[in-house]
Amino acid sequence: MNGMNLGQISHESKIDWLELSETGKKMLFRDKKLKLHIYDVDTQAKETILNYCAFVQVPRAAGRPAGTSMISFGETESPMAGPE
């Protein structure tokens, strides 16, 4: 596909990190409030998966270009975070 709009997301805070899955069906992003969200392009559903995420890292697999690797992230406890 080229030049097609597959959807539009409304979000209340600025996004400071974004990664699209290899298939283009999922989008992982973090906002300026340090919340980590996942968005499903097919269902247009957005879900918060971490309320406090101070660090996000996408490792590159050997022999694969940037943006096509598995997604991992580090989590840091917030002093105000309660049990989930």
PDB file of N, CA and C in Angstrom:
ATOM      1  N   MET A   1       0.839  -1.176   0.000  1.00  0.00           N
ATOM      2  CA  MET A   1       0.000   0.000   0.000  1.00  0.00           C
ATOM      3  C   MET A   1       0.879   1.233   0.000  1.00  0.00           C
ATOM      4  N   ASN A   2       0.371   2.255  -0.628  1.00  0.00           N
ATOM      5  CA  ASN A   2       1.124   3.488  -0.687  1.00  0.00           C
ATOM      6  C   ASN A   2       0.155   4.657  -0.652  1.00  0.00           C
ATOM      7  N   GLY A   3       0.324   5.537   0.315  1.00  0.00           N
ATOM      8  CA  GLY A   3      -0.479   6.747   0.386  1.00  0.00           C
ATOM      9  C   GLY A   3      -1.895   6.556   0.872  1.00  0.00           C
ATOM     10  N   MET A   4      -2.191   5.445   1.541  1.00  0.00           N
ATOM     11  CA  MET A   4      -3.538   5.201   2.044  1.00  0.00           C
ATOM     12  C   MET A   4      -3.630   5.551   3.520  1.00  0.00           C
ATOM     13  N   ASN A   5      -4.720   6.150   3.934  1.00  0.00           N
ATOM     14  CA  ASN A   5      -4.989   6.426   5.336  1.00  0.00           C
ATOM     15  C   ASN A   5      -5.798   5.260   5.879  1.00  0.00           C
ATOM     16  N   LEU A   6      -5.226   4.519   6.831  1.00  0.00           N
ATOM     17  CA  LEU A   6      -5.903   3.358   7.399  1.00  0.00           C
ATOM     18  C   LEU A   6      -6.633   3.671   8.687  1.00  0.00           C
ATOM     19  N   GLY A   7      -6.473   4.855   9.190  1.00  0.00           N
ATOM     20  CA  GLY A   7      -7.148   5.220  10.422  1.00  0.00           C
ATOM     21  C   GLY A   7      -6.574   6.494  11.005  1.00  0.00           C
ATOM     22  N   GLN A   8      -7.243   6.975  12.034  1.00  0.00           N
ATOM     23  CA  GLN A   8      -6.807   8.185  12.724  1.00  0.00           C
ATOM     24  C   GLN A   8      -7.003   7.963  14.211  1.00  0.00           C
ATOM     25  N   ILE A   9      -6.002   8.338  14.991  1.00  0.00           N
ATOM     26  CA  ILE A   9      -6.049   8.145  16.436  1.00  0.00           C
ATOM     27  C   ILE A   9      -6.112   9.498  17.119  1.00  0.00           C
ATOM     28  N   SER A  10      -7.040   9.641  18.040  1.00  0.00           N
ATOM     29  CA  SER A  10      -7.082  10.822  18.895  1.00  0.00           C
ATOM     30  C   SER A  10      -6.394  10.465  20.199  1.00  0.00           C
ATOM     31  N   HIS A  11      -5.493  11.334  20.629  1.00  0.00           N
ATOM     32  CA  HIS A  11      -4.787  11.091  21.880  1.00  0.00           C
ATOM     33  C   HIS A  11      -4.578  12.424  22.576  1.00  0.00           C
ATOM     34  N   GLU A  12      -4.757  12.436  23.899  1.00  0.00           N
ATOM     35  CA  GLU A  12      -4.761  13.686  24.657  1.00  0.00           C
ATOM     36  C   GLU A  12      -3.372  14.234  24.977  1.00  0.00           C
ATOM     37  N   SER A  13      -2.327  13.462  24.769  1.00  0.00           N
ATOM     38  CA  SER A  13      -0.981  13.899  25.090  1.00  0.00           C
ATOM     39  C   SER A  13      -0.073  13.706  23.869  1.00  0.00           C
ATOM     40  N   LYS A  14       0.996  14.499  23.796  1.00  0.00           N
ATOM     41  CA  LYS A  14       1.941  14.354  22.683  1.00  0.00           C
ATOM     42  C   LYS A  14       2.647  13.007  22.748  1.00  0.00           C
ATOM     43  N   ILE A  15       2.941  12.454  21.586  1.00  0.00           N
ATOM     44  CA  ILE A  15       3.619  11.170  21.487  1.00  0.00           C
ATOM     45  C   ILE A  15       5.114  11.429  21.299  1.00  0.00           C
ATOM     46  N   ASP A  16       5.944  10.768  22.139  1.00  0.00           N
ATOM     47  CA  ASP A  16       7.392  10.973  22.026  1.00  0.00           C
ATOM     48  C   ASP A  16       8.133   9.754  21.486  1.00  0.00           C
ATOM     49  N   TRP A  17       7.457   8.613  21.309  1.00  0.00           N
ATOM     50  CA  TRP A  17       8.071   7.413  20.730  1.00  0.00           C
ATOM     51  C   TRP A  17       6.991   6.573  20.071  1.00  0.00           C
ATOM     52  N   LEU A  18       7.316   6.008  18.905  1.00  0.00           N
ATOM     53  CA  LEU A  18       6.329   5.255  18.125  1.00  0.00           C
ATOM     54  C   LEU A  18       7.028   4.141  17.367  1.00  0.00           C
ATOM     55  N   GLU A  19       6.402   2.960  17.328  1.00  0.00           N
ATOM     56  CA  GLU A  19       6.949   1.827  16.574  1.00  0.00           C
ATOM     57  C   GLU A  19       5.785   1.055  15.970  1.00  0.00           C
ATOM     58  N   LEU A  20       5.894   0.758  14.685  1.00  0.00           N
ATOM     59  CA  LEU A  20       4.888  -0.028  13.978  1.00  0.00           C
ATOM     60  C   LEU A  20       5.397  -1.456  13.864  1.00  0.00           C
ATOM     61  N   SER A  21       4.502  -2.438  14.065  1.00  0.00           N
ATOM     62  CA  SER A  21       4.920  -3.837  13.965  1.00  0.00           C
ATOM     63  C   SER A  21       5.305  -4.179  12.532  1.00  0.00           C
ATOM     64  N   GLU A  22       5.989  -5.288  12.381  1.00  0.00           N
ATOM     65  CA  GLU A  22       6.454  -5.722  11.069  1.00  0.00           C
ATOM     66  C   GLU A  22       5.296  -5.902  10.091  1.00  0.00           C
ATOM     67  N   THR A  23       4.166  -6.386  10.578  1.00  0.00           N
ATOM     68  CA  THR A  23       2.995  -6.606   9.711  1.00  0.00           C
ATOM     69  C   THR A  23       2.190  -5.336   9.491  1.00  0.00           C
ATOM     70  N   GLY A  24       2.450  -4.314  10.287  1.00  0.00           N
ATOM     71  CA  GLY A  24       1.703  -3.060  10.160  1.00  0.00           C
ATOM     72  C   GLY A  24       0.328  -3.115  10.799  1.00  0.00           C
ATOM     73  N   LYS A  25       0.078  -4.114  11.625  1.00  0.00           N
ATOM     74  CA  LYS A  25      -1.239  -4.268  12.249  1.00  0.00           C
ATOM     75  C   LYS A  25      -1.300  -3.731  13.672  1.00  0.00           C
ATOM     76  N   LYS A  26      -0.147  -3.554  14.309  1.00  0.00           N
ATOM     77  CA  LYS A  26      -0.094  -3.038  15.682  1.00  0.00           C
ATOM     78  C   LYS A  26       0.875  -1.872  15.748  1.00  0.00           C
ATOM     79  N   MET A  27       0.553  -0.919  16.597  1.00  0.00           N
ATOM     80  CA  MET A  27       1.413   0.235  16.803  1.00  0.00           C
ATOM     81  C   MET A  27       1.614   0.400  18.304  1.00  0.00           C
ATOM     82  N   LEU A  28       2.863   0.497  18.722  1.00  0.00           N
ATOM     83  CA  LEU A  28       3.208   0.717  20.115  1.00  0.00           C
ATOM     84  C   LEU A  28       3.719   2.137  20.232  1.00  0.00           C
ATOM     85  N   PHE A  29       3.188   2.901  21.182  1.00  0.00           N
ATOM     86  CA  PHE A  29       3.661   4.276  21.343  1.00  0.00           C
ATOM     87  C   PHE A  29       3.636   4.698  22.793  1.00  0.00           C
ATOM     88  N   ARG A  30       4.542   5.661  23.113  1.00  0.00           N
ATOM     89  CA  ARG A  30       4.615   6.232  24.450  1.00  0.00           C
ATOM     90  C   ARG A  30       4.346   7.718  24.351  1.00  0.00           C
ATOM     91  N   ASP A  31       3.592   8.231  25.306  1.00  0.00           N
ATOM     92  CA  ASP A  31       3.286   9.656  25.290  1.00  0.00           C
ATOM     93  C   ASP A  31       4.147  10.415  26.303  1.00  0.00           C
ATOM     94  N   LYS A  32       4.033  11.730  26.308  1.00  0.00           N
ATOM     95  CA  LYS A  32       4.836  12.584  27.186  1.00  0.00           C
ATOM     96  C   LYS A  32       4.529  12.356  28.664  1.00  0.00           C
ATOM     97  N   LYS A  33       3.394  11.722  28.985  1.00  0.00           N
ATOM     98  CA  LYS A  33       3.059  11.384  30.370  1.00  0.00           C
ATOM     99  C   LYS A  33       3.674  10.049  30.770  1.00  0.00           C
ATOM    100  N   LEU A  34       4.517   9.474  29.874  1.00  0.00           N
ATOM    101  CA  LEU A  34       5.238   8.220  30.076  1.00  0.00           C
ATOM    102  C   LEU A  34       4.320   6.998  30.139  1.00  0.00           C
ATOM    103  N   LYS A  35       3.165   7.089  29.512  1.00  0.00           N
ATOM    104  CA  LYS A  35       2.262   5.941  29.407  1.00  0.00           C
ATOM    105  C   LYS A  35       2.532   5.225  28.091  1.00  0.00           C
ATOM    106  N   LEU A  36       2.576   3.894  28.154  1.00  0.00           N
ATOM    107  CA  LEU A  36       2.820   3.085  26.971  1.00  0.00           C
ATOM    108  C   LEU A  36       1.494   2.498  26.498  1.00  0.00           C
ATOM    109  N   HIS A  37       1.200   2.698  25.220  1.00  0.00           N
ATOM    110  CA  HIS A  37      -0.071   2.276  24.641  1.00  0.00           C
ATOM    111  C   HIS A  37       0.169   1.359  23.451  1.00  0.00           C
ATOM    112  N   ILE A  38      -0.803   0.499  23.174  1.00  0.00           N
ATOM    113  CA  ILE A  38      -0.776  -0.308  21.968  1.00  0.00           C
ATOM    114  C   ILE A  38      -2.072  -0.045  21.209  1.00  0.00           C
ATOM    115  N   TYR A  39      -1.950   0.058  19.887  1.00  0.00           N
ATOM    116  CA  TYR A  39      -3.093   0.356  19.030  1.00  0.00           C
ATOM    117  C   TYR A  39      -3.201  -0.734  17.973  1.00  0.00           C
ATOM    118  N   ASP A  40      -4.386  -1.305  17.829  1.00  0.00           N
ATOM    119  CA  ASP A  40      -4.655  -2.315  16.809  1.00  0.00           C
ATOM    120  C   ASP A  40      -5.270  -1.621  15.602  1.00  0.00           C
ATOM    121  N   VAL A  41      -4.582  -1.653  14.483  1.00  0.00           N
ATOM    122  CA  VAL A  41      -5.026  -0.943  13.279  1.00  0.00           C
ATOM    123  C   VAL A  41      -6.330  -1.541  12.743  1.00  0.00           C
ATOM    124  N   ASP A  42      -6.461  -2.873  12.783  1.00  0.00           N
ATOM    125  CA  ASP A  42      -7.658  -3.525  12.250  1.00  0.00           C
ATOM    126  C   ASP A  42      -8.914  -3.177  13.031  1.00  0.00           C
ATOM    127  N   THR A  43      -8.844  -3.267  14.364  1.00  0.00           N
ATOM    128  CA  THR A  43     -10.032  -3.015  15.194  1.00  0.00           C
ATOM    129  C   THR A  43     -10.135  -1.561  15.645  1.00  0.00           C
ATOM    130  N   GLN A  44      -9.071  -0.798  15.449  1.00  0.00           N
ATOM    131  CA  GLN A  44      -8.964   0.596  15.881  1.00  0.00           C
ATOM    132  C   GLN A  44      -9.148   0.727  17.387  1.00  0.00           C
ATOM    133  N   ALA A  45      -8.661  -0.287  18.127  1.00  0.00           N
ATOM    134  CA  ALA A  45      -8.735  -0.277  19.585  1.00  0.00           C
ATOM    135  C   ALA A  45      -7.393   0.161  20.161  1.00  0.00           C
ATOM    136  N   LYS A  46      -7.441   1.057  21.141  1.00  0.00           N
ATOM    137  CA  LYS A  46      -6.245   1.547  21.822  1.00  0.00           C
ATOM    138  C   LYS A  46      -6.313   1.089  23.272  1.00  0.00           C
ATOM    139  N   GLU A  47      -5.184   0.584  23.785  1.00  0.00           N
ATOM    140  CA  GLU A  47      -5.144   0.119  25.163  1.00  0.00           C
ATOM    141  C   GLU A  47      -3.859   0.599  25.821  1.00  0.00           C
ATOM    142  N   THR A  48      -3.962   1.073  27.054  1.00  0.00           N
ATOM    143  CA  THR A  48      -2.785   1.443  27.832  1.00  0.00           C
ATOM    144  C   THR A  48      -2.231   0.171  28.451  1.00  0.00           C
ATOM    145  N   ILE A  49      -0.956  -0.118  28.189  1.00  0.00           N
ATOM    146  CA  ILE A  49      -0.378  -1.342  28.751  1.00  0.00           C
ATOM    147  C   ILE A  49       0.570  -1.060  29.918  1.00  0.00           C
ATOM    148  N   LEU A  50       1.081   0.163  30.039  1.00  0.00           N
ATOM    149  CA  LEU A  50       1.862   0.577  31.210  1.00  0.00           C
ATOM    150  C   LEU A  50       1.501   2.015  31.545  1.00  0.00           C
ATOM    151  N   ASN A  51       1.250   2.282  32.822  1.00  0.00           N
ATOM    152  CA  ASN A  51       0.953   3.647  33.237  1.00  0.00           C
ATOM    153  C   ASN A  51       2.211   4.472  33.469  1.00  0.00           C
ATOM    154  N   TYR A  52       3.346   3.804  33.629  1.00  0.00           N
ATOM    155  CA  TYR A  52       4.612   4.508  33.799  1.00  0.00           C
ATOM    156  C   TYR A  52       5.715   3.722  33.104  1.00  0.00           C
ATOM    157  N   CYS A  53       6.241   4.263  32.045  1.00  0.00           N
ATOM    158  CA  CYS A  53       7.292   3.604  31.270  1.00  0.00           C
ATOM    159  C   CYS A  53       8.382   4.634  31.000  1.00  0.00           C
ATOM    160  N   ALA A  54       9.459   4.557  31.777  1.00  0.00           N
ATOM    161  CA  ALA A  54      10.523   5.547  31.669  1.00  0.00           C
ATOM    162  C   ALA A  54      11.496   5.252  30.532  1.00  0.00           C
ATOM    163  N   PHE A  55      11.490   4.011  30.012  1.00  0.00           N
ATOM    164  CA  PHE A  55      12.479   3.621  29.023  1.00  0.00           C
ATOM    165  C   PHE A  55      11.848   2.679  28.008  1.00  0.00           C
ATOM    166  N   VAL A  56      12.106   2.930  26.734  1.00  0.00           N
ATOM    167  CA  VAL A  56      11.595   2.073  25.661  1.00  0.00           C
ATOM    168  C   VAL A  56      12.778   1.714  24.778  1.00  0.00           C
ATOM    169  N   GLN A  57      12.900   0.431  24.430  1.00  0.00           N
ATOM    170  CA  GLN A  57      14.006  -0.019  23.600  1.00  0.00           C
ATOM    171  C   GLN A  57      13.499  -1.026  22.580  1.00  0.00           C
ATOM    172  N   VAL A  58      13.919  -0.857  21.348  1.00  0.00           N
ATOM    173  CA  VAL A  58      13.609  -1.820  20.295  1.00  0.00           C
ATOM    174  C   VAL A  58      14.922  -2.397  19.805  1.00  0.00           C
ATOM    175  N   PRO A  59      15.237  -3.631  20.205  1.00  0.00           N
ATOM    176  CA  PRO A  59      16.499  -4.229  19.761  1.00  0.00           C
ATOM    177  C   PRO A  59      16.435  -4.619  18.296  1.00  0.00           C
ATOM    178  N   ARG A  60      17.536  -4.521  17.605  1.00  0.00           N
ATOM    179  CA  ARG A  60      17.610  -4.950  16.206  1.00  0.00           C
ATOM    180  C   ARG A  60      18.097  -6.377  16.153  1.00  0.00           C
ATOM    181  N   ALA A  61      17.340  -7.223  15.499  1.00  0.00           N
ATOM    182  CA  ALA A  61      17.750  -8.615  15.315  1.00  0.00           C
ATOM    183  C   ALA A  61      18.849  -8.661  14.256  1.00  0.00           C
ATOM    184  N   ALA A  62      19.726  -9.610  14.367  1.00  0.00           N
ATOM    185  CA  ALA A  62      20.839  -9.737  13.425  1.00  0.00           C
ATOM    186  C   ALA A  62      20.327  -9.925  12.003  1.00  0.00           C
ATOM    187  N   GLY A  63      20.841  -9.118  11.098  1.00  0.00           N
ATOM    188  CA  GLY A  63      20.481  -9.246   9.689  1.00  0.00           C
ATOM    189  C   GLY A  63      19.141  -8.640   9.308  1.00  0.00           C
ATOM    190  N   ARG A  64      18.487  -7.953  10.236  1.00  0.00           N
ATOM    191  CA  ARG A  64      17.194  -7.357   9.927  1.00  0.00           C
ATOM    192  C   ARG A  64      17.307  -5.840   9.994  1.00  0.00           C
ATOM    193  N   PRO A  65      16.643  -5.134   9.113  1.00  0.00           N
ATOM    194  CA  PRO A  65      16.692  -3.673   9.139  1.00  0.00           C
ATOM    195  C   PRO A  65      15.941  -3.106  10.339  1.00  0.00           C
ATOM    196  N   ALA A  66      16.244  -1.873  10.684  1.00  0.00           N
ATOM    197  CA  ALA A  66      15.569  -1.195  11.795  1.00  0.00           C
ATOM    198  C   ALA A  66      14.068  -1.184  11.560  1.00  0.00           C
ATOM    199  N   GLY A  67      13.319  -1.331  12.645  1.00  0.00           N
ATOM    200  CA  GLY A  67      11.867  -1.291  12.558  1.00  0.00           C
ATOM    201  C   GLY A  67      11.221  -2.632  12.262  1.00  0.00           C
ATOM    202  N   THR A  68      12.020  -3.689  12.087  1.00  0.00           N
ATOM    203  CA  THR A  68      11.432  -4.997  11.806  1.00  0.00           C
ATOM    204  C   THR A  68      11.761  -6.005  12.897  1.00  0.00           C
ATOM    205  N   SER A  69      12.252  -5.550  14.024  1.00  0.00           N
ATOM    206  CA  SER A  69      12.615  -6.449  15.101  1.00  0.00           C
ATOM    207  C   SER A  69      11.474  -6.572  16.107  1.00  0.00           C
ATOM    208  N   MET A  70      11.632  -7.512  17.031  1.00  0.00           N
ATOM    209  CA  MET A  70      10.648  -7.659  18.088  1.00  0.00           C
ATOM    210  C   MET A  70      10.756  -6.474  19.030  1.00  0.00           C
ATOM    211  N   ILE A  71       9.674  -6.121  19.668  1.00  0.00           N
ATOM    212  CA  ILE A  71       9.629  -4.964  20.548  1.00  0.00           C
ATOM    213  C   ILE A  71       9.793  -5.416  21.991  1.00  0.00           C
ATOM    214  N   SER A  72      10.703  -4.756  22.722  1.00  0.00           N
ATOM    215  CA  SER A  72      10.815  -4.989  24.157  1.00  0.00           C
ATOM    216  C   SER A  72      10.948  -3.628  24.822  1.00  0.00           C
ATOM    217  N   PHE A  73      10.634  -3.582  26.099  1.00  0.00           N
ATOM    218  CA  PHE A  73      10.724  -2.307  26.799  1.00  0.00           C
ATOM    219  C   PHE A  73      11.082  -2.564  28.244  1.00  0.00           C
ATOM    220  N   GLY A  74      11.751  -1.569  28.835  1.00  0.00           N
ATOM    221  CA  GLY A  74      12.087  -1.639  30.244  1.00  0.00           C
ATOM    222  C   GLY A  74      11.071  -0.860  31.053  1.00  0.00           C
ATOM    223  N   GLU A  75      10.780  -1.321  32.253  1.00  0.00           N
ATOM    224  CA  GLU A  75       9.799  -0.659  33.102  1.00  0.00           C
ATOM    225  C   GLU A  75      10.484  -0.207  34.367  1.00  0.00           C
ATOM    226  N   THR A  76      10.211   1.013  34.766  1.00  0.00           N
ATOM    227  CA  THR A  76      10.724   1.556  36.013  1.00  0.00           C
ATOM    228  C   THR A  76       9.540   1.850  36.908  1.00  0.00           C
ATOM    229  N   GLU A  77       9.614   1.442  38.154  1.00  0.00           N
ATOM    230  CA  GLU A  77       8.521   1.660  39.083  1.00  0.00           C
ATOM    231  C   GLU A  77       8.366   3.150  39.390  1.00  0.00           C
ATOM    232  N   SER A  78       7.160   3.609  39.380  1.00  0.00           N
ATOM    233  CA  SER A  78       6.865   4.969  39.781  1.00  0.00           C
ATOM    234  C   SER A  78       6.694   4.983  41.303  1.00  0.00           C
ATOM    235  N   PRO A  79       7.232   5.985  41.995  1.00  0.00           N
ATOM    236  CA  PRO A  79       7.064   6.027  43.447  1.00  0.00           C
ATOM    237  C   PRO A  79       5.602   6.146  43.863  1.00  0.00           C
ATOM    238  N   MET A  80       4.747   6.602  42.961  1.00  0.00           N
ATOM    239  CA  MET A  80       3.337   6.776  43.278  1.00  0.00           C
ATOM    240  C   MET A  80       2.488   5.638  42.725  1.00  0.00           C
ATOM    241  N   ALA A  81       3.093   4.688  42.062  1.00  0.00           N
ATOM    242  CA  ALA A  81       2.323   3.602  41.454  1.00  0.00           C
ATOM    243  C   ALA A  81       1.880   2.632  42.528  1.00  0.00           C
ATOM    244  N   GLY A  82       0.623   2.237  42.460  1.00  0.00           N
ATOM    245  CA  GLY A  82       0.073   1.248  43.393  1.00  0.00           C
ATOM    246  C   GLY A  82       0.049  -0.106  42.741  1.00  0.00           C
ATOM    247  N   PRO A  83      -0.370  -1.123  43.485  1.00  0.00           N
ATOM    248  CA  PRO A  83      -0.443  -2.466  42.908  1.00  0.00           C
ATOM    249  C   PRO A  83      -1.542  -2.538  41.852  1.00  0.00           C
ATOM    250  N   GLU A  84      -1.285  -3.349  40.826  1.00  0.00           N
ATOM    251  CA  GLU A  84      -2.271  -3.461  39.743  1.00  0.00           C
ATOM    252  C   GLU A  84      -3.101  -4.700  39.941  1.00  0.00           C
TER     253      GLU A  84
END
